[in-house]
Amino acid sequence: MEIADDLLYTKEHEWIRVENGEIVVGITDYAQDQLGDIVYLELPTEGEILKQGSPFGVVESVKAVSDLYAPMSGKVVEVNEPLKDSPETINKDPYIEAWMIKVEPSDRTELDKLLNPEEYELYIKEELVEEEEEEEEKEAETEEEANL
């Protein structure tokens, strides 16, 4: 799992890169790995106004359908249209070729709410431990039911 040092992250597993005063948004390597083979992508249109933390699109894989959440508020100024026709690119190159949207941020202080690479890595580790504990609980319950 790759966590790029030059990006900021959300707890919903989106990444952002600040570029020429805009923010470039995509999903993380961890997210694409958890989703599996991505088969469909729905993105907003240029000019759409996003609010930090609100859904801005949908990514669908062979395993699940997940909402995409805006890491910052602002106006969508560019959409990676070719990505809609080749959503599998996200599995191959989530950080460069598979950027999703570019946004002109309306409140740059929202950057402070994002995770740096070290914080994001720690967050993923905590999330994985929680998943493992939940799985162990389910297995114990199943075993207990089988013994009844």
Protein backbone atom coordinates (compact mmCIF):
# COMPACT_ATOMS: atom_id res chain seq x y z
CA MET A 1 0.00 0.00 0.00
CA GLU A 2 1.45 3.30 -1.10
CA ILE A 3 0.94 6.52 0.86
CA ALA A 4 2.42 9.41 -1.08
CA ASP A 5 4.40 11.92 1.00
CA ASP A 6 3.30 14.96 -1.01
CA LEU A 7 -0.46 14.55 -0.48
CA LEU A 8 -3.06 15.20 2.20
CA TYR A 9 -5.77 12.66 3.04
CA THR A 10 -9.28 12.25 4.43
CA LYS A 11 -10.69 9.56 6.70
CA GLU A 12 -12.93 8.61 3.77
CA HIS A 13 -9.75 7.69 1.82
CA GLU A 14 -9.61 10.55 -0.65
CA TRP A 15 -6.31 12.29 -1.34
CA ILE A 16 -5.65 15.88 -2.36
CA ARG A 17 -2.72 17.61 -3.97
CA VAL A 18 -2.49 21.40 -3.98
CA GLU A 19 -1.53 22.47 -7.51
CA ASN A 20 -1.51 26.04 -8.86
CA GLY A 21 -4.01 27.22 -6.23
CA GLU A 22 -6.43 24.37 -7.02
CA ILE A 23 -6.81 21.03 -5.34
CA VAL A 24 -6.62 17.80 -7.28
CA VAL A 25 -8.70 14.96 -5.79
CA GLY A 26 -8.63 11.17 -6.10
CA ILE A 27 -8.96 8.04 -3.98
CA THR A 28 -6.06 6.43 -2.19
CA ASP A 29 -4.18 3.27 -3.02
CA TYR A 30 -5.64 1.75 0.16
CA ALA A 31 -9.19 2.58 -0.99
CA GLN A 32 -8.75 1.09 -4.44
CA ASP A 33 -7.20 -2.03 -2.90
CA GLN A 34 -10.14 -2.45 -0.50
CA LEU A 35 -12.65 -1.92 -3.31
CA GLY A 36 -11.08 -4.39 -5.73
CA ASP A 37 -11.55 -4.10 -9.49
CA ILE A 38 -13.24 -0.77 -10.20
CA VAL A 39 -15.85 -0.96 -12.96
CA TYR A 40 -17.80 2.32 -12.82
CA LEU A 41 -17.23 5.92 -11.80
CA GLU A 42 -19.70 8.80 -11.43
CA LEU A 43 -18.21 12.28 -11.09
CA PRO A 44 -19.69 15.78 -10.80
CA THR A 45 -19.82 18.25 -13.66
CA GLU A 46 -17.62 21.31 -14.07
CA GLY A 47 -19.05 24.28 -12.22
CA GLU A 48 -20.66 22.18 -9.52
CA ILE A 49 -20.20 23.53 -5.98
CA LEU A 50 -18.92 21.05 -3.39
CA LYS A 51 -19.15 21.20 0.39
CA GLN A 52 -16.42 19.59 2.48
CA GLY A 53 -17.53 16.15 3.67
CA SER A 54 -20.48 15.88 1.27
CA PRO A 55 -20.71 13.24 -1.47
CA PHE A 56 -19.50 14.34 -4.90
CA GLY A 57 -19.59 11.07 -6.80
CA VAL A 58 -19.71 7.29 -6.72
CA VAL A 59 -17.16 4.57 -7.35
CA GLU A 60 -18.35 1.03 -8.04
CA SER A 61 -16.26 -2.11 -7.93
CA VAL A 62 -16.93 -5.81 -8.23
CA LYS A 63 -17.20 -5.83 -4.40
CA ALA A 64 -19.02 -2.63 -3.44
CA VAL A 65 -20.47 0.75 -4.31
CA SER A 66 -18.98 3.66 -2.38
CA ASP A 67 -19.66 7.37 -2.23
CA LEU A 68 -16.82 9.81 -2.85
CA TYR A 69 -16.61 12.70 -0.39
CA ALA A 70 -15.37 16.22 -1.03
CA PRO A 71 -12.17 16.84 0.93
CA MET A 72 -12.70 20.61 0.63
CA SER A 73 -15.45 23.03 -0.29
CA GLY A 74 -15.25 24.80 -3.63
CA LYS A 75 -16.13 24.81 -7.31
CA VAL A 76 -15.27 21.92 -9.64
CA VAL A 77 -13.10 23.44 -12.36
CA GLU A 78 -12.07 20.26 -14.19
CA VAL A 79 -13.20 16.64 -14.36
CA ASN A 80 -11.00 13.76 -15.54
CA GLU A 81 -13.48 12.70 -18.25
CA PRO A 82 -11.30 9.88 -19.70
CA LEU A 83 -11.35 8.23 -16.27
CA LYS A 84 -15.12 7.68 -16.57
CA ASP A 85 -14.52 5.51 -19.65
CA SER A 86 -11.56 3.69 -18.05
CA PRO A 87 -12.31 3.51 -14.31
CA GLU A 88 -9.91 0.56 -13.97
CA THR A 89 -7.11 3.14 -14.23
CA ILE A 90 -7.79 3.84 -10.54
CA ASN A 91 -6.55 0.35 -9.68
CA LYS A 92 -3.37 0.85 -11.71
CA ASP A 93 -2.38 4.42 -10.86
CA PRO A 94 -4.55 6.03 -8.15
CA TYR A 95 -2.24 8.99 -7.50
CA ILE A 96 -1.23 10.34 -10.92
CA GLU A 97 -3.28 9.23 -13.91
CA ALA A 98 -6.48 8.53 -11.93
CA TRP A 99 -7.07 11.97 -10.43
CA MET A 100 -10.82 12.60 -10.47
CA ILE A 101 -11.55 16.30 -10.15
CA LYS A 102 -9.86 19.65 -9.74
CA VAL A 103 -11.49 22.12 -7.37
CA GLU A 104 -11.05 25.82 -6.79
CA PRO A 105 -11.25 25.86 -2.97
CA SER A 106 -13.53 28.38 -1.30
CA ASP A 107 -12.03 28.02 2.19
CA ARG A 108 -8.32 27.21 2.34
CA THR A 109 -8.48 26.81 6.15
CA GLU A 110 -10.20 23.45 5.46
CA LEU A 111 -6.73 22.15 4.57
CA ASP A 112 -6.09 22.08 8.33
CA LYS A 113 -8.78 19.41 8.77
CA LEU A 114 -7.01 16.95 6.47
CA LEU A 115 -4.56 14.24 7.50
CA ASN A 116 -0.86 14.36 6.67
CA PRO A 117 0.74 11.12 5.38
CA GLU A 118 1.82 9.95 8.86
CA GLU A 119 -1.64 10.60 10.35
CA TYR A 120 -3.31 8.79 7.45
CA GLU A 121 -1.02 5.77 7.83
CA LEU A 122 -1.85 5.59 11.54
CA TYR A 123 -5.57 5.94 10.77
CA ILE A 124 -5.41 2.99 8.33
CA LYS A 125 -3.58 0.83 10.87
CA GLU A 126 -6.25 1.60 13.49
CA GLU A 127 -9.00 0.83 10.96
CA LEU A 128 -7.39 -2.52 10.10
CA VAL A 129 -7.15 -3.48 13.78
CA GLU A 130 -10.83 -2.64 14.26
CA GLU A 131 -11.78 -4.76 11.22
CA GLU A 132 -9.73 -7.66 12.55
CA GLU A 133 -11.39 -7.41 15.98
CA GLU A 134 -14.86 -7.32 14.38
CA GLU A 135 -14.00 -10.38 12.31
CA GLU A 136 -12.82 -12.26 15.41
CA GLU A 137 -16.05 -11.35 17.23
CA LYS A 138 -18.14 -12.64 14.31
CA GLU A 139 -16.17 -15.89 14.24
CA ALA A 140 -16.63 -16.34 18.00
CA GLU A 141 -20.39 -15.72 17.69
CA THR A 142 -20.67 -18.20 14.81
CA GLU A 143 -18.73 -20.80 16.80
CA GLU A 144 -20.90 -20.18 19.87
CA GLU A 145 -24.10 -20.58 17.80
CA ALA A 146 -22.76 -23.81 16.30
CA ASN A 147 -22.21 -25.21 19.79
CA LEU A 148 -25.83 -24.57 20.86
